[in-house]
PDB file of all heavy atoms in Angstrom:
ATOM      1  N   LYS A   1      20.226  10.750   1.962  1.00  0.00           N
ATOM      2  CA  LYS A   1      19.474  11.928   1.540  1.00  0.00           C
ATOM      3  C   LYS A   1      18.005  11.567   1.367  1.00  0.00           C
ATOM      4  O   LYS A   1      17.667  10.426   1.059  1.00  0.00           O
ATOM      5  CB  LYS A   1      20.001  12.447   0.200  1.00  0.00           C
ATOM      6  CG  LYS A   1      21.389  13.005   0.246  1.00  0.00           C
ATOM      7  CD  LYS A   1      21.782  13.469  -1.138  1.00  0.00           C
ATOM      8  CE  LYS A   1      23.231  13.872  -1.196  1.00  0.00           C
ATOM      9  NZ  LYS A   1      23.638  14.237  -2.556  1.00  0.00           N
ATOM     10  N   SER A   2      17.152  12.547   1.525  1.00  0.00           N
ATOM     11  CA  SER A   2      15.730  12.328   1.291  1.00  0.00           C
ATOM     12  C   SER A   2      15.501  11.937  -0.163  1.00  0.00           C
ATOM     13  O   SER A   2      16.158  12.457  -1.074  1.00  0.00           O
ATOM     14  CB  SER A   2      14.937  13.592   1.620  1.00  0.00           C
ATOM     15  OG  SER A   2      15.037  13.865   3.000  1.00  0.00           O
ATOM     16  N   GLU A   3      14.597  10.994  -0.360  1.00  0.00           N
ATOM     17  CA  GLU A   3      14.205  10.495  -1.682  1.00  0.00           C
ATOM     18  C   GLU A   3      15.402  10.037  -2.513  1.00  0.00           C
ATOM     19  O   GLU A   3      15.445  10.234  -3.724  1.00  0.00           O
ATOM     20  CB  GLU A   3      13.395  11.550  -2.428  1.00  0.00           C
ATOM     21  CG  GLU A   3      12.085  11.878  -1.726  1.00  0.00           C
ATOM     22  CD  GLU A   3      11.231  12.862  -2.486  1.00  0.00           C
ATOM     23  OE1 GLU A   3      11.377  12.979  -3.718  1.00  0.00           O
ATOM     24  OE2 GLU A   3      10.401  13.515  -1.830  1.00  0.00           O
ATOM     25  N   SER A   4      16.372   9.397  -1.867  1.00  0.00           N
ATOM     26  CA  SER A   4      17.606   9.028  -2.570  1.00  0.00           C
ATOM     27  C   SER A   4      17.721   7.543  -2.927  1.00  0.00           C
ATOM     28  O   SER A   4      18.675   7.152  -3.584  1.00  0.00           O
ATOM     29  CB  SER A   4      18.813   9.427  -1.724  1.00  0.00           C
ATOM     30  OG  SER A   4      18.833   8.695  -0.512  1.00  0.00           O
ATOM     31  N   ILE A   5      16.768   6.735  -2.496  1.00  0.00           N
ATOM     32  CA  ILE A   5      16.915   5.306  -2.788  1.00  0.00           C
ATOM     33  C   ILE A   5      15.739   4.784  -3.610  1.00  0.00           C
ATOM     34  O   ILE A   5      14.607   5.252  -3.491  1.00  0.00           O
ATOM     35  CB  ILE A   5      17.094   4.466  -1.506  1.00  0.00           C
ATOM     36  CG1 ILE A   5      15.907   4.622  -0.553  1.00  0.00           C
ATOM     37  CG2 ILE A   5      18.374   4.840  -0.789  1.00  0.00           C
ATOM     38  CD1 ILE A   5      15.991   3.697   0.643  1.00  0.00           C
ATOM     39  N   ASP A   6      16.054   3.792  -4.436  1.00  0.00           N
ATOM     40  CA  ASP A   6      15.041   3.162  -5.290  1.00  0.00           C
ATOM     41  C   ASP A   6      14.383   1.972  -4.616  1.00  0.00           C
ATOM     42  O   ASP A   6      13.232   1.662  -4.878  1.00  0.00           O
ATOM     43  CB  ASP A   6      15.672   2.673  -6.606  1.00  0.00           C
ATOM     44  CG  ASP A   6      16.280   3.791  -7.420  1.00  0.00           C
ATOM     45  OD1 ASP A   6      15.677   4.868  -7.479  1.00  0.00           O
ATOM     46  OD2 ASP A   6      17.371   3.580  -7.989  1.00  0.00           O
ATOM     47  N   LEU A   7      15.149   1.288  -3.782  1.00  0.00           N
ATOM     48  CA  LEU A   7      14.655   0.062  -3.173  1.00  0.00           C
ATOM     49  C   LEU A   7      15.162  -0.030  -1.741  1.00  0.00           C
ATOM     50  O   LEU A   7      16.366   0.047  -1.491  1.00  0.00           O
ATOM     51  CB  LEU A   7      15.154  -1.155  -3.963  1.00  0.00           C
ATOM     52  CG  LEU A   7      14.783  -2.528  -3.420  1.00  0.00           C
ATOM     53  CD1 LEU A   7      13.270  -2.735  -3.466  1.00  0.00           C
ATOM     54  CD2 LEU A   7      15.496  -3.609  -4.220  1.00  0.00           C
ATOM     55  N   ALA A   8      14.234  -0.196  -0.806  1.00  0.00           N
ATOM     56  CA  ALA A   8      14.582  -0.412   0.597  1.00  0.00           C
ATOM     57  C   ALA A   8      14.199  -1.842   0.959  1.00  0.00           C
ATOM     58  O   ALA A   8      13.057  -2.254   0.750  1.00  0.00           O
ATOM     59  CB  ALA A   8      13.840   0.573   1.500  1.00  0.00           C
ATOM     60  N   LEU A   9      15.157  -2.590   1.475  1.00  0.00           N
ATOM     61  CA  LEU A   9      14.917  -3.952   1.939  1.00  0.00           C
ATOM     62  C   LEU A   9      14.914  -3.941   3.458  1.00  0.00           C
ATOM     63  O   LEU A   9      15.896  -3.532   4.072  1.00  0.00           O
ATOM     64  CB  LEU A   9      16.018  -4.896   1.448  1.00  0.00           C
ATOM     65  CG  LEU A   9      16.191  -5.044  -0.045  1.00  0.00           C
ATOM     66  CD1 LEU A   9      17.401  -5.917  -0.348  1.00  0.00           C
ATOM     67  CD2 LEU A   9      14.938  -5.631  -0.669  1.00  0.00           C
ATOM     68  N   ASN A  10      13.844  -4.381   4.041  1.00  0.00           N
ATOM     69  CA  ASN A  10      13.736  -4.454   5.488  1.00  0.00           C
ATOM     70  C   ASN A  10      13.521  -5.917   5.833  1.00  0.00           C
ATOM     71  O   ASN A  10      12.459  -6.471   5.580  1.00  0.00           O
ATOM     72  CB  ASN A  10      12.578  -3.582   5.963  1.00  0.00           C
ATOM     73  CG  ASN A  10      12.414  -3.654   7.453  1.00  0.00           C
ATOM     74  OD1 ASN A  10      11.749  -4.540   7.956  1.00  0.00           O
ATOM     75  ND2 ASN A  10      13.020  -2.715   8.160  1.00  0.00           N
ATOM     76  N   ILE A  11      14.550  -6.549   6.391  1.00  0.00           N
ATOM     77  CA  ILE A  11      14.521  -7.992   6.612  1.00  0.00           C
ATOM     78  C   ILE A  11      14.622  -8.274   8.102  1.00  0.00           C
ATOM     79  O   ILE A  11      15.648  -8.017   8.728  1.00  0.00           O
ATOM     80  CB  ILE A  11      15.664  -8.672   5.840  1.00  0.00           C
ATOM     81  CG1 ILE A  11      15.544  -8.332   4.355  1.00  0.00           C
ATOM     82  CG2 ILE A  11      15.644 -10.180   6.073  1.00  0.00           C
ATOM     83  CD1 ILE A  11      16.726  -8.747   3.522  1.00  0.00           C
ATOM     84  N   PHE A  12      13.527  -8.755   8.666  1.00  0.00           N
ATOM     85  CA  PHE A  12      13.479  -9.141  10.083  1.00  0.00           C
ATOM     86  C   PHE A  12      13.948  -7.994  10.972  1.00  0.00           C
ATOM     87  O   PHE A  12      14.717  -8.201  11.908  1.00  0.00           O
ATOM     88  CB  PHE A  12      14.352 -10.374  10.332  1.00  0.00           C
ATOM     89  CG  PHE A  12      13.785 -11.687   9.838  1.00  0.00           C
ATOM     90  CD1 PHE A  12      13.249 -11.823   8.579  1.00  0.00           C
ATOM     91  CD2 PHE A  12      13.825 -12.800  10.663  1.00  0.00           C
ATOM     92  CE1 PHE A  12      12.750 -13.028   8.126  1.00  0.00           C
ATOM     93  CE2 PHE A  12      13.327 -14.024  10.218  1.00  0.00           C
ATOM     94  CZ  PHE A  12      12.784 -14.132   8.945  1.00  0.00           C
ATOM     95  N   ALA A  13      13.500  -6.787  10.709  1.00  0.00           N
ATOM     96  CA  ALA A  13      13.971  -5.622  11.468  1.00  0.00           C
ATOM     97  C   ALA A  13      12.804  -4.678  11.744  1.00  0.00           C
ATOM     98  O   ALA A  13      11.759  -4.763  11.095  1.00  0.00           O
ATOM     99  CB  ALA A  13      15.052  -4.890  10.656  1.00  0.00           C
ATOM    100  N   PRO A  14      12.973  -3.776  12.687  1.00  0.00           N
ATOM    101  CA  PRO A  14      11.952  -2.735  12.894  1.00  0.00           C
ATOM    102  C   PRO A  14      11.772  -1.927  11.612  1.00  0.00           C
ATOM    103  O   PRO A  14      12.673  -1.863  10.774  1.00  0.00           O
ATOM    104  CB  PRO A  14      12.543  -1.867  14.013  1.00  0.00           C
ATOM    105  CG  PRO A  14      13.532  -2.749  14.693  1.00  0.00           C
ATOM    106  CD  PRO A  14      14.083  -3.652  13.629  1.00  0.00           C
ATOM    107  N   ARG A  15      10.601  -1.300  11.474  1.00  0.00           N
ATOM    108  CA  ARG A  15      10.276  -0.569  10.244  1.00  0.00           C
ATOM    109  C   ARG A  15       9.779   0.838  10.566  1.00  0.00           C
ATOM    110  O   ARG A  15       8.581   1.067  10.589  1.00  0.00           O
ATOM    111  CB  ARG A  15       9.176  -1.322   9.484  1.00  0.00           C
ATOM    112  CG  ARG A  15       9.613  -2.652   8.952  1.00  0.00           C
ATOM    113  CD  ARG A  15       8.470  -3.636   8.844  1.00  0.00           C
ATOM    114  NE  ARG A  15       7.870  -3.964  10.126  1.00  0.00           N
ATOM    115  CZ  ARG A  15       8.387  -4.849  10.996  1.00  0.00           C
ATOM    116  NH1 ARG A  15       9.485  -5.480  10.734  1.00  0.00           N
ATOM    117  NH2 ARG A  15       7.786  -5.085  12.141  1.00  0.00           N
ATOM    118  N   PRO A  16      10.673   1.776  10.797  1.00  0.00           N
ATOM    119  CA  PRO A  16      10.214   3.141  11.064  1.00  0.00           C
ATOM    120  C   PRO A  16       9.691   3.771   9.766  1.00  0.00           C
ATOM    121  O   PRO A  16      10.460   4.218   8.912  1.00  0.00           O
ATOM    122  CB  PRO A  16      11.462   3.842  11.584  1.00  0.00           C
ATOM    123  CG  PRO A  16      12.595   3.094  10.964  1.00  0.00           C
ATOM    124  CD  PRO A  16      12.128   1.674  10.825  1.00  0.00           C
ATOM    125  N   ALA A  17       8.386   3.781   9.620  1.00  0.00           N
ATOM    126  CA  ALA A  17       7.760   4.226   8.373  1.00  0.00           C
ATOM    127  C   ALA A  17       8.214   5.618   7.954  1.00  0.00           C
ATOM    128  O   ALA A  17       8.459   5.859   6.768  1.00  0.00           O
ATOM    129  CB  ALA A  17       6.237   4.170   8.514  1.00  0.00           C
ATOM    130  N   SER A  18       8.356   6.537   8.901  1.00  0.00           N
ATOM    131  CA  SER A  18       8.708   7.914   8.535  1.00  0.00           C
ATOM    132  C   SER A  18      10.096   7.996   7.888  1.00  0.00           C
ATOM    133  O   SER A  18      10.289   8.714   6.913  1.00  0.00           O
ATOM    134  CB  SER A  18       8.643   8.833   9.747  1.00  0.00           C
ATOM    135  OG  SER A  18       9.545   8.379  10.744  1.00  0.00           O
ATOM    136  N   GLU A  19      11.061   7.240   8.408  1.00  0.00           N
ATOM    137  CA  GLU A  19      12.421   7.263   7.836  1.00  0.00           C
ATOM    138  C   GLU A  19      12.459   6.527   6.504  1.00  0.00           C
ATOM    139  O   GLU A  19      13.136   6.952   5.567  1.00  0.00           O
ATOM    140  CB  GLU A  19      13.412   6.610   8.794  1.00  0.00           C
ATOM    141  CG  GLU A  19      14.392   7.456   9.519  1.00  0.00           C
ATOM    142  CD  GLU A  19      14.925   8.674   8.830  1.00  0.00           C
ATOM    143  OE1 GLU A  19      14.246   9.699   8.826  1.00  0.00           O
ATOM    144  OE2 GLU A  19      16.064   8.632   8.329  1.00  0.00           O
ATOM    145  N   LEU A  20      11.752   5.428   6.410  1.00  0.00           N
ATOM    146  CA  LEU A  20      11.704   4.705   5.138  1.00  0.00           C
ATOM    147  C   LEU A  20      11.038   5.564   4.068  1.00  0.00           C
ATOM    148  O   LEU A  20      11.505   5.644   2.932  1.00  0.00           O
ATOM    149  CB  LEU A  20      10.976   3.371   5.316  1.00  0.00           C
ATOM    150  CG  LEU A  20      11.726   2.354   6.169  1.00  0.00           C
ATOM    151  CD1 LEU A  20      10.806   1.221   6.591  1.00  0.00           C
ATOM    152  CD2 LEU A  20      12.943   1.821   5.433  1.00  0.00           C
ATOM    153  N   LEU A  21       9.970   6.251   4.426  1.00  0.00           N
ATOM    154  CA  LEU A  21       9.287   7.135   3.483  1.00  0.00           C
ATOM    155  C   LEU A  21      10.190   8.303   3.078  1.00  0.00           C
ATOM    156  O   LEU A  21      10.259   8.671   1.910  1.00  0.00           O
ATOM    157  CB  LEU A  21       7.994   7.660   4.112  1.00  0.00           C
ATOM    158  CG  LEU A  21       7.143   8.543   3.207  1.00  0.00           C
ATOM    159  CD1 LEU A  21       6.602   7.747   2.034  1.00  0.00           C
ATOM    160  CD2 LEU A  21       6.002   9.151   4.014  1.00  0.00           C
ATOM    161  N   ARG A  22      10.888   8.881   4.034  1.00  0.00           N
ATOM    162  CA  ARG A  22      11.762  10.028   3.736  1.00  0.00           C
ATOM    163  C   ARG A  22      12.849   9.658   2.730  1.00  0.00           C
ATOM    164  O   ARG A  22      13.155  10.423   1.825  1.00  0.00           O
ATOM    165  CB  ARG A  22      12.421  10.539   5.030  1.00  0.00           C
ATOM    166  CG  ARG A  22      13.349  11.738   4.812  1.00  0.00           C
ATOM    167  CD  ARG A  22      14.121  12.099   6.063  1.00  0.00           C
ATOM    168  NE  ARG A  22      15.113  11.107   6.447  1.00  0.00           N
ATOM    169  CZ  ARG A  22      16.313  10.978   5.856  1.00  0.00           C
ATOM    170  NH1 ARG A  22      16.672  11.748   4.838  1.00  0.00           N
ATOM    171  NH2 ARG A  22      17.166  10.051   6.285  1.00  0.00           N
ATOM    172  N   THR A  23      13.419   8.483   2.855  1.00  0.00           N
ATOM    173  CA  THR A  23      14.566   8.118   2.021  1.00  0.00           C
ATOM    174  C   THR A  23      14.183   7.492   0.677  1.00  0.00           C
ATOM    175  O   THR A  23      14.973   7.521  -0.258  1.00  0.00           O
ATOM    176  CB  THR A  23      15.483   7.141   2.776  1.00  0.00           C
ATOM    177  OG1 THR A  23      14.742   5.993   3.161  1.00  0.00           O
ATOM    178  CG2 THR A  23      16.089   7.818   3.993  1.00  0.00           C
ATOM    179  N   LEU A  24      12.987   6.974   0.558  1.00  0.00           N
ATOM    180  CA  LEU A  24      12.567   6.293  -0.665  1.00  0.00           C
ATOM    181  C   LEU A  24      12.135   7.308  -1.715  1.00  0.00           C
ATOM    182  O   LEU A  24      11.356   8.225  -1.425  1.00  0.00           O
ATOM    183  CB  LEU A  24      11.404   5.356  -0.341  1.00  0.00           C
ATOM    184  CG  LEU A  24      11.082   4.265  -1.331  1.00  0.00           C
ATOM    185  CD1 LEU A  24      12.253   3.301  -1.489  1.00  0.00           C
ATOM    186  CD2 LEU A  24       9.835   3.507  -0.891  1.00  0.00           C
ATOM    187  N   ASN A  25      12.641   7.160  -2.948  1.00  0.00           N
ATOM    188  CA  ASN A  25      12.246   8.109  -3.991  1.00  0.00           C
ATOM    189  C   ASN A  25      10.795   7.868  -4.415  1.00  0.00           C
ATOM    190  O   ASN A  25      10.173   6.887  -4.037  1.00  0.00           O
ATOM    191  CB  ASN A  25      13.234   8.108  -5.167  1.00  0.00           C
ATOM    192  CG  ASN A  25      13.113   6.896  -6.051  1.00  0.00           C
ATOM    193  OD1 ASN A  25      12.055   6.326  -6.255  1.00  0.00           O
ATOM    194  ND2 ASN A  25      14.236   6.477  -6.609  1.00  0.00           N
ATOM    195  N   ARG A  26      10.260   8.764  -5.198  1.00  0.00           N
ATOM    196  CA  ARG A  26       8.831   8.749  -5.563  1.00  0.00           C
ATOM    197  C   ARG A  26       8.379   7.442  -6.208  1.00  0.00           C
ATOM    198  O   ARG A  26       7.255   7.013  -6.007  1.00  0.00           O
ATOM    199  CB  ARG A  26       8.503   9.908  -6.507  1.00  0.00           C
ATOM    200  CG  ARG A  26       8.746  11.257  -5.900  1.00  0.00           C
ATOM    201  CD  ARG A  26       7.550  11.709  -5.111  1.00  0.00           C
ATOM    202  NE  ARG A  26       7.852  12.983  -4.484  1.00  0.00           N
ATOM    203  CZ  ARG A  26       7.431  13.311  -3.288  1.00  0.00           C
ATOM    204  NH1 ARG A  26       6.708  12.495  -2.596  1.00  0.00           N
ATOM    205  NH2 ARG A  26       7.737  14.466  -2.774  1.00  0.00           N
ATOM    206  N   ASP A  27       9.227   6.832  -7.004  1.00  0.00           N
ATOM    207  CA  ASP A  27       8.874   5.584  -7.688  1.00  0.00           C
ATOM    208  C   ASP A  27       9.495   4.358  -7.025  1.00  0.00           C
ATOM    209  O   ASP A  27       9.447   3.261  -7.582  1.00  0.00           O
ATOM    210  CB  ASP A  27       9.324   5.641  -9.154  1.00  0.00           C
ATOM    211  CG  ASP A  27       8.584   6.719  -9.914  1.00  0.00           C
ATOM    212  OD1 ASP A  27       7.369   6.873  -9.696  1.00  0.00           O
ATOM    213  OD2 ASP A  27       9.222   7.419 -10.726  1.00  0.00           O
ATOM    214  N   GLY A  28      10.064   4.534  -5.845  1.00  0.00           N
ATOM    215  CA  GLY A  28      10.771   3.455  -5.170  1.00  0.00           C
ATOM    216  C   GLY A  28       9.838   2.412  -4.567  1.00  0.00           C
ATOM    217  O   GLY A  28       8.618   2.591  -4.507  1.00  0.00           O
ATOM    218  N   ARG A  29      10.444   1.343  -4.138  1.00  0.00           N
ATOM    219  CA  ARG A  29       9.708   0.243  -3.514  1.00  0.00           C
ATOM    220  C   ARG A  29      10.339  -0.109  -2.168  1.00  0.00           C
ATOM    221  O   ARG A  29      11.545  -0.020  -1.986  1.00  0.00           O
ATOM    222  CB  ARG A  29       9.737  -1.016  -4.391  1.00  0.00           C
ATOM    223  CG  ARG A  29       9.026  -0.866  -5.723  1.00  0.00           C
ATOM    224  CD  ARG A  29       7.514  -0.776  -5.521  1.00  0.00           C
ATOM    225  NE  ARG A  29       6.796  -0.751  -6.773  1.00  0.00           N
ATOM    226  CZ  ARG A  29       6.407   0.355  -7.394  1.00  0.00           C
ATOM    227  NH1 ARG A  29       6.701   1.540  -6.893  1.00  0.00           N
ATOM    228  NH2 ARG A  29       5.731   0.292  -8.520  1.00  0.00           N
ATOM    229  N   LEU A  30       9.491  -0.510  -1.273  1.00  0.00           N
ATOM    230  CA  LEU A  30       9.896  -1.019   0.024  1.00  0.00           C
ATOM    231  C   LEU A  30       9.527  -2.499   0.061  1.00  0.00           C
ATOM    232  O   LEU A  30       8.379  -2.861  -0.184  1.00  0.00           O
ATOM    233  CB  LEU A  30       9.165  -0.281   1.155  1.00  0.00           C
ATOM    234  CG  LEU A  30       9.247  -0.887   2.555  1.00  0.00           C
ATOM    235  CD1 LEU A  30      10.687  -0.938   3.059  1.00  0.00           C
ATOM    236  CD2 LEU A  30       8.351  -0.115   3.520  1.00  0.00           C
ATOM    237  N   ILE A  31      10.509  -3.349   0.337  1.00  0.00           N
ATOM    238  CA  ILE A  31      10.271  -4.780   0.484  1.00  0.00           C
ATOM    239  C   ILE A  31      10.529  -5.143   1.941  1.00  0.00           C
ATOM    240  O   ILE A  31      11.601  -4.875   2.478  1.00  0.00           O
ATOM    241  CB  ILE A  31      11.171  -5.598  -0.457  1.00  0.00           C
ATOM    242  CG1 ILE A  31      10.856  -5.239  -1.913  1.00  0.00           C
ATOM    243  CG2 ILE A  31      10.976  -7.096  -0.205  1.00  0.00           C
ATOM    244  CD1 ILE A  31      11.750  -5.921  -2.924  1.00  0.00           C
ATOM    245  N   VAL A  32       9.519  -5.737   2.560  1.00  0.00           N
ATOM    246  CA  VAL A  32       9.591  -6.115   3.962  1.00  0.00           C
ATOM    247  C   VAL A  32       9.494  -7.641   4.058  1.00  0.00           C
ATOM    248  O   VAL A  32       8.547  -8.235   3.544  1.00  0.00           O
ATOM    249  CB  VAL A  32       8.440  -5.470   4.771  1.00  0.00           C
ATOM    250  CG1 VAL A  32       8.482  -5.925   6.216  1.00  0.00           C
ATOM    251  CG2 VAL A  32       8.506  -3.952   4.679  1.00  0.00           C
ATOM    252  N   ALA A  33      10.489  -8.254   4.687  1.00  0.00           N
ATOM    253  CA  ALA A  33      10.478  -9.702   4.919  1.00  0.00           C
ATOM    254  C   ALA A  33      10.405  -9.939   6.422  1.00  0.00           C
ATOM    255  O   ALA A  33      11.145  -9.323   7.189  1.00  0.00           O
ATOM    256  CB  ALA A  33      11.728 -10.343   4.331  1.00  0.00           C
ATOM    257  N   PHE A  34       9.513 -10.816   6.824  1.00  0.00           N
ATOM    258  CA  PHE A  34       9.347 -11.122   8.240  1.00  0.00           C
ATOM    259  C   PHE A  34       9.002 -12.599   8.405  1.00  0.00           C
ATOM    260  O   PHE A  34       8.476 -13.231   7.488  1.00  0.00           O
ATOM    261  CB  PHE A  34       8.285 -10.218   8.876  1.00  0.00           C
ATOM    262  CG  PHE A  34       6.935 -10.272   8.199  1.00  0.00           C
ATOM    263  CD1 PHE A  34       5.947 -11.121   8.668  1.00  0.00           C
ATOM    264  CD2 PHE A  34       6.675  -9.487   7.082  1.00  0.00           C
ATOM    265  CE1 PHE A  34       4.712 -11.179   8.048  1.00  0.00           C
ATOM    266  CE2 PHE A  34       5.438  -9.545   6.457  1.00  0.00           C
ATOM    267  CZ  PHE A  34       4.454 -10.396   6.941  1.00  0.00           C
TER     268      PHE A  34
END
């Protein structure tokens, strides 16, 4: 669901910003490891 997650972990993967933004809640964090 939109804005349904608190933390998105993206590890060695593509990063579609629009989908990550859609699913991350207002106070959520995105962690990207590369």
